[in-house]
């Protein structure tokens, strides 16, 4: 059932476009082009798989609110690290005490949600 609704949604969305757009075929890239892709592209794909799998497994056990709270907390902490360290060529924005306290409040909120089920 959880695949039927998105499939119907995608089908109706696709059919709403003019035929010349839908029938435009983009060829698959050659293996040489795929192997020349930067490692971060492959790492991003693998992280996407891990994220999807973990949310599907974790949500029924701890609840959707806690699962999404963990996702948001992880995004905030990782974005602070990326900003502070300038990872992937991002401009460096030092993490201030206020930034870190805000991230800790989000993590504390997730901990409170798990403590008072």
N, C-alpha and C. Protein backbone atom coordinates (compact mmCIF):
# COMPACT_ATOMS: atom_id res chain seq x y z
N UNK A 1 0.82 -1.19 0.00
CA UNK A 1 0.00 0.00 0.00
C UNK A 1 0.86 1.25 0.00
N UNK A 2 1.98 1.20 0.74
CA UNK A 2 2.80 2.41 0.81
C UNK A 2 3.58 2.65 -0.49
N UNK A 3 3.54 1.72 -1.44
CA UNK A 3 4.13 1.97 -2.75
C UNK A 3 3.06 2.34 -3.77
N UNK A 4 1.83 1.93 -3.53
CA UNK A 4 0.75 2.17 -4.48
C UNK A 4 0.41 3.66 -4.60
N UNK A 5 0.28 4.35 -3.47
CA UNK A 5 -0.10 5.76 -3.50
C UNK A 5 0.98 6.61 -4.18
N UNK A 6 2.27 6.48 -3.81
CA UNK A 6 3.27 7.29 -4.52
C UNK A 6 3.35 6.96 -6.01
N UNK A 7 3.17 5.69 -6.36
CA UNK A 7 3.21 5.32 -7.77
C UNK A 7 2.08 5.99 -8.54
N UNK A 8 0.88 5.97 -8.00
CA UNK A 8 -0.26 6.64 -8.65
C UNK A 8 -0.03 8.14 -8.71
N UNK A 9 0.55 8.70 -7.66
CA UNK A 9 0.83 10.13 -7.64
C UNK A 9 1.83 10.50 -8.73
N UNK A 10 2.90 9.73 -8.83
CA UNK A 10 3.93 10.01 -9.85
C UNK A 10 3.34 9.83 -11.24
N UNK A 11 2.52 8.78 -11.42
CA UNK A 11 1.91 8.55 -12.73
C UNK A 11 1.01 9.71 -13.12
N UNK A 12 0.17 10.19 -12.21
CA UNK A 12 -0.72 11.30 -12.54
C UNK A 12 0.06 12.58 -12.77
N UNK A 13 1.14 12.76 -12.04
CA UNK A 13 1.99 13.94 -12.21
C UNK A 13 2.65 13.90 -13.58
N UNK A 14 3.16 12.74 -13.97
CA UNK A 14 3.82 12.58 -15.27
C UNK A 14 2.83 12.78 -16.42
N UNK A 15 1.63 12.24 -16.28
CA UNK A 15 0.64 12.34 -17.35
C UNK A 15 0.12 13.77 -17.53
N UNK A 16 0.34 14.63 -16.55
CA UNK A 16 -0.13 16.00 -16.67
C UNK A 16 0.79 16.85 -17.54
N UNK A 17 1.99 16.34 -17.85
CA UNK A 17 2.93 17.07 -18.69
C UNK A 17 2.65 16.80 -20.16
N UNK A 18 3.03 17.74 -21.05
CA UNK A 18 2.86 17.50 -22.48
C UNK A 18 3.69 16.30 -22.93
N UNK A 19 3.23 15.56 -23.95
CA UNK A 19 3.92 14.34 -24.39
C UNK A 19 5.36 14.57 -24.83
N UNK A 20 5.67 15.74 -25.40
CA UNK A 20 7.05 15.95 -25.86
C UNK A 20 8.02 16.06 -24.70
N UNK A 21 7.54 16.46 -23.53
CA UNK A 21 8.42 16.53 -22.36
C UNK A 21 8.57 15.14 -21.75
N UNK A 22 7.48 14.41 -21.65
CA UNK A 22 7.51 13.09 -21.03
C UNK A 22 8.31 12.11 -21.87
N UNK A 23 8.22 12.21 -23.20
CA UNK A 23 8.89 11.24 -24.05
C UNK A 23 10.34 11.58 -24.29
N UNK A 24 10.81 12.75 -23.84
CA UNK A 24 12.22 13.08 -24.02
C UNK A 24 13.06 12.11 -23.22
N UNK A 25 13.96 11.44 -23.90
CA UNK A 25 14.76 10.40 -23.24
C UNK A 25 16.15 10.93 -22.95
N UNK A 26 16.56 10.83 -21.73
CA UNK A 26 17.92 11.18 -21.34
C UNK A 26 18.71 9.88 -21.24
N UNK A 27 19.78 9.75 -22.03
CA UNK A 27 20.51 8.49 -22.00
C UNK A 27 21.25 8.30 -20.68
N UNK A 28 21.45 7.04 -20.33
CA UNK A 28 22.23 6.71 -19.14
C UNK A 28 23.68 7.10 -19.38
N UNK A 29 24.39 7.54 -18.35
CA UNK A 29 25.80 7.89 -18.55
C UNK A 29 26.64 6.64 -18.78
N UNK A 30 27.75 6.83 -19.44
CA UNK A 30 28.66 5.72 -19.67
C UNK A 30 29.37 5.35 -18.38
N UNK A 31 29.84 4.11 -18.30
CA UNK A 31 30.52 3.64 -17.09
C UNK A 31 31.75 4.49 -16.78
N UNK A 32 32.43 4.96 -17.81
CA UNK A 32 33.61 5.80 -17.58
C UNK A 32 33.23 7.09 -16.86
N UNK A 33 32.10 7.66 -17.26
CA UNK A 33 31.65 8.89 -16.60
C UNK A 33 31.25 8.62 -15.16
N UNK A 34 30.62 7.46 -14.92
CA UNK A 34 30.23 7.11 -13.56
C UNK A 34 31.44 6.89 -12.67
N UNK A 35 32.47 6.24 -13.21
CA UNK A 35 33.66 5.98 -12.39
C UNK A 35 34.47 7.25 -12.16
N UNK A 36 34.28 8.26 -13.02
CA UNK A 36 35.00 9.52 -12.85
C UNK A 36 34.31 10.46 -11.88
N UNK A 37 33.12 10.10 -11.42
CA UNK A 37 32.38 10.97 -10.49
C UNK A 37 33.15 11.09 -9.18
N UNK A 38 33.10 12.26 -8.55
CA UNK A 38 33.80 12.42 -7.26
C UNK A 38 33.25 11.45 -6.20
N UNK A 39 34.10 11.13 -5.24
CA UNK A 39 33.69 10.19 -4.18
C UNK A 39 32.50 10.69 -3.38
N UNK A 40 32.43 12.00 -3.21
CA UNK A 40 31.33 12.54 -2.40
C UNK A 40 29.97 12.26 -3.04
N UNK A 41 29.92 12.11 -4.37
CA UNK A 41 28.66 11.78 -5.03
C UNK A 41 28.23 10.37 -4.62
N UNK A 42 29.16 9.44 -4.65
CA UNK A 42 28.85 8.07 -4.24
C UNK A 42 28.55 8.02 -2.75
N UNK A 43 29.29 8.76 -1.96
CA UNK A 43 29.04 8.80 -0.53
C UNK A 43 27.67 9.37 -0.21
N UNK A 44 27.25 10.39 -0.96
CA UNK A 44 25.93 10.96 -0.76
C UNK A 44 24.83 9.95 -1.06
N UNK A 45 25.03 9.16 -2.10
CA UNK A 45 24.06 8.13 -2.44
C UNK A 45 23.97 7.07 -1.36
N UNK A 46 25.12 6.66 -0.85
CA UNK A 46 25.14 5.65 0.22
C UNK A 46 24.52 6.20 1.50
N UNK A 47 24.80 7.46 1.82
CA UNK A 47 24.19 8.06 3.00
C UNK A 47 22.68 8.16 2.84
N UNK A 48 22.21 8.42 1.63
CA UNK A 48 20.78 8.46 1.38
C UNK A 48 20.12 7.12 1.64
N UNK A 49 20.80 6.05 1.22
CA UNK A 49 20.28 4.70 1.47
C UNK A 49 20.24 4.41 2.96
N UNK A 50 21.30 4.76 3.67
CA UNK A 50 21.35 4.54 5.12
C UNK A 50 20.27 5.35 5.82
N UNK A 51 20.08 6.60 5.40
CA UNK A 51 19.05 7.45 6.00
C UNK A 51 17.66 6.85 5.79
N UNK A 52 17.37 6.46 4.57
CA UNK A 52 16.05 5.90 4.26
C UNK A 52 15.81 4.62 5.04
N UNK A 53 16.79 3.73 5.04
CA UNK A 53 16.65 2.46 5.76
C UNK A 53 16.47 2.70 7.26
N UNK A 54 17.29 3.60 7.81
CA UNK A 54 17.22 3.80 9.27
C UNK A 54 15.90 4.45 9.68
N UNK A 55 15.36 5.36 8.88
CA UNK A 55 14.08 5.95 9.27
C UNK A 55 12.95 4.93 9.16
N UNK A 56 13.02 4.06 8.18
CA UNK A 56 12.00 3.03 8.04
C UNK A 56 12.06 2.05 9.21
N UNK A 57 13.26 1.75 9.68
CA UNK A 57 13.42 0.79 10.78
C UNK A 57 13.14 1.45 12.14
N UNK A 58 13.61 2.68 12.32
CA UNK A 58 13.53 3.33 13.62
C UNK A 58 12.13 3.88 13.92
N UNK A 59 11.47 4.45 12.93
CA UNK A 59 10.18 5.11 13.17
C UNK A 59 9.15 4.22 13.84
N UNK A 60 8.96 2.97 13.41
CA UNK A 60 7.97 2.15 14.11
C UNK A 60 8.35 1.83 15.56
N UNK A 61 9.62 1.84 15.86
CA UNK A 61 10.06 1.47 17.21
C UNK A 61 9.99 2.63 18.20
N UNK A 62 10.42 3.83 17.78
CA UNK A 62 10.48 4.95 18.72
C UNK A 62 9.44 6.01 18.43
N UNK A 63 8.77 5.94 17.31
CA UNK A 63 7.76 6.92 16.95
C UNK A 63 8.28 7.90 15.90
N UNK A 64 7.34 8.46 15.17
CA UNK A 64 7.71 9.38 14.09
C UNK A 64 8.26 10.68 14.65
N UNK A 65 7.69 11.19 15.73
CA UNK A 65 8.16 12.46 16.30
C UNK A 65 9.62 12.37 16.74
N UNK A 66 9.97 11.30 17.42
CA UNK A 66 11.36 11.13 17.86
C UNK A 66 12.27 10.92 16.66
N UNK A 67 11.81 10.15 15.68
CA UNK A 67 12.62 9.91 14.49
C UNK A 67 12.92 11.21 13.77
N UNK A 68 11.89 12.03 13.54
CA UNK A 68 12.12 13.30 12.86
C UNK A 68 12.92 14.27 13.74
N UNK A 69 12.75 14.19 15.05
CA UNK A 69 13.57 14.99 15.95
C UNK A 69 15.04 14.62 15.84
N UNK A 70 15.32 13.32 15.74
CA UNK A 70 16.70 12.87 15.55
C UNK A 70 17.26 13.34 14.21
N UNK A 71 16.42 13.32 13.18
CA UNK A 71 16.86 13.78 11.86
C UNK A 71 17.22 15.26 11.92
N UNK A 72 16.35 16.07 12.51
CA UNK A 72 16.60 17.51 12.60
C UNK A 72 17.83 17.79 13.46
N UNK A 73 17.95 17.09 14.58
CA UNK A 73 19.13 17.29 15.45
C UNK A 73 20.41 16.93 14.70
N UNK A 74 20.37 15.83 13.96
CA UNK A 74 21.54 15.44 13.17
C UNK A 74 21.89 16.45 12.10
N UNK A 75 20.88 17.02 11.46
CA UNK A 75 21.12 18.02 10.43
C UNK A 75 21.71 19.29 11.04
N UNK A 76 21.22 19.68 12.20
CA UNK A 76 21.74 20.90 12.84
C UNK A 76 23.19 20.70 13.27
N UNK A 77 23.47 19.57 13.91
CA UNK A 77 24.84 19.31 14.37
C UNK A 77 25.80 19.20 13.19
N UNK A 78 25.39 18.48 12.14
CA UNK A 78 26.28 18.33 10.99
C UNK A 78 26.46 19.66 10.26
N UNK A 79 25.42 20.49 10.18
CA UNK A 79 25.58 21.79 9.52
C UNK A 79 26.49 22.71 10.32
N UNK A 80 26.42 22.61 11.64
CA UNK A 80 27.36 23.39 12.46
C UNK A 80 28.80 22.96 12.19
N UNK A 81 29.03 21.65 12.09
CA UNK A 81 30.38 21.16 11.80
C UNK A 81 30.84 21.59 10.41
N UNK A 82 29.96 21.50 9.42
CA UNK A 82 30.32 21.90 8.06
C UNK A 82 30.65 23.39 8.02
N UNK A 83 29.83 24.22 8.67
CA UNK A 83 30.11 25.66 8.72
C UNK A 83 31.41 25.96 9.46
N UNK A 84 31.61 25.32 10.59
CA UNK A 84 32.79 25.61 11.41
C UNK A 84 34.09 25.16 10.75
N UNK A 85 34.06 24.01 10.08
CA UNK A 85 35.28 23.46 9.48
C UNK A 85 35.44 23.82 8.01
N UNK A 86 34.41 24.34 7.37
CA UNK A 86 34.50 24.67 5.95
C UNK A 86 34.58 23.44 5.07
N UNK A 87 33.86 22.39 5.42
CA UNK A 87 33.91 21.13 4.68
C UNK A 87 33.30 21.33 3.29
N UNK A 88 33.84 20.63 2.30
CA UNK A 88 33.37 20.66 0.91
C UNK A 88 33.42 22.06 0.31
N UNK A 89 34.35 22.85 0.75
CA UNK A 89 34.53 24.18 0.18
C UNK A 89 33.53 25.22 0.67
N UNK A 90 32.77 24.89 1.69
CA UNK A 90 31.82 25.86 2.24
C UNK A 90 32.59 26.97 2.94
N UNK A 91 32.09 28.21 2.88
CA UNK A 91 32.76 29.28 3.62
C UNK A 91 32.71 29.00 5.12
N UNK A 92 33.78 29.35 5.79
CA UNK A 92 33.88 29.08 7.23
C UNK A 92 33.08 30.11 8.01
N UNK A 93 32.18 29.60 8.85
CA UNK A 93 31.42 30.42 9.80
C UNK A 93 31.62 29.77 11.16
N UNK A 94 32.46 30.37 12.01
CA UNK A 94 32.76 29.74 13.30
C UNK A 94 31.50 29.49 14.13
N UNK A 95 31.47 28.35 14.77
CA UNK A 95 30.35 28.00 15.65
C UNK A 95 30.49 28.79 16.95
N UNK A 96 29.50 29.58 17.25
CA UNK A 96 29.54 30.39 18.46
C UNK A 96 28.87 29.63 19.60
N UNK A 97 28.97 30.19 20.77
CA UNK A 97 28.32 29.58 21.94
C UNK A 97 26.81 29.51 21.73
N UNK A 98 26.22 30.54 21.12
CA UNK A 98 24.79 30.54 20.85
C UNK A 98 24.39 29.43 19.89
N UNK A 99 25.20 29.22 18.86
CA UNK A 99 24.92 28.12 17.93
C UNK A 99 24.94 26.78 18.64
N UNK A 100 25.98 26.57 19.44
CA UNK A 100 26.10 25.29 20.13
C UNK A 100 24.99 25.09 21.16
N UNK A 101 24.61 26.17 21.85
CA UNK A 101 23.52 26.04 22.82
C UNK A 101 22.19 25.74 22.12
N UNK A 102 21.96 26.35 20.97
CA UNK A 102 20.76 26.05 20.20
C UNK A 102 20.71 24.59 19.77
N UNK A 103 21.85 24.07 19.31
CA UNK A 103 21.91 22.66 18.92
C UNK A 103 21.68 21.75 20.12
N UNK A 104 22.25 22.14 21.28
CA UNK A 104 22.04 21.33 22.48
C UNK A 104 20.58 21.34 22.93
N UNK A 105 19.89 22.47 22.72
CA UNK A 105 18.47 22.53 23.07
C UNK A 105 17.65 21.58 22.19
N UNK A 106 17.99 21.50 20.92
CA UNK A 106 17.28 20.57 20.03
C UNK A 106 17.53 19.13 20.47
N UNK A 107 18.78 18.81 20.77
CA UNK A 107 19.11 17.46 21.25
C UNK A 107 18.40 17.19 22.57
N UNK A 108 18.36 18.17 23.46
CA UNK A 108 17.66 18.00 24.74
C UNK A 108 16.17 17.78 24.51
N UNK A 109 15.59 18.45 23.51
CA UNK A 109 14.18 18.23 23.19
C UNK A 109 13.92 16.80 22.73
N UNK A 110 14.83 16.27 21.94
CA UNK A 110 14.67 14.86 21.50
C UNK A 110 14.79 13.93 22.70
N UNK A 111 15.73 14.21 23.60
CA UNK A 111 15.88 13.38 24.79
C UNK A 111 14.62 13.45 25.67
N UNK A 112 14.02 14.63 25.78
CA UNK A 112 12.79 14.76 26.55
C UNK A 112 11.65 13.98 25.91
N UNK A 113 11.58 14.00 24.58
CA UNK A 113 10.53 13.23 23.90
C UNK A 113 10.70 11.75 24.14
N UNK A 114 11.93 11.27 24.21
CA UNK A 114 12.14 9.83 24.45
C UNK A 114 11.90 9.48 25.91
N UNK A 115 12.17 10.42 26.82
CA UNK A 115 12.02 10.13 28.25
C UNK A 115 10.56 10.10 28.67
N UNK A 116 9.71 10.91 28.05
CA UNK A 116 8.31 11.01 28.46
C UNK A 116 7.38 10.48 27.39
N UNK A 117 7.50 9.23 27.09
CA UNK A 117 6.61 8.60 26.08
C UNK A 117 5.26 8.34 26.68
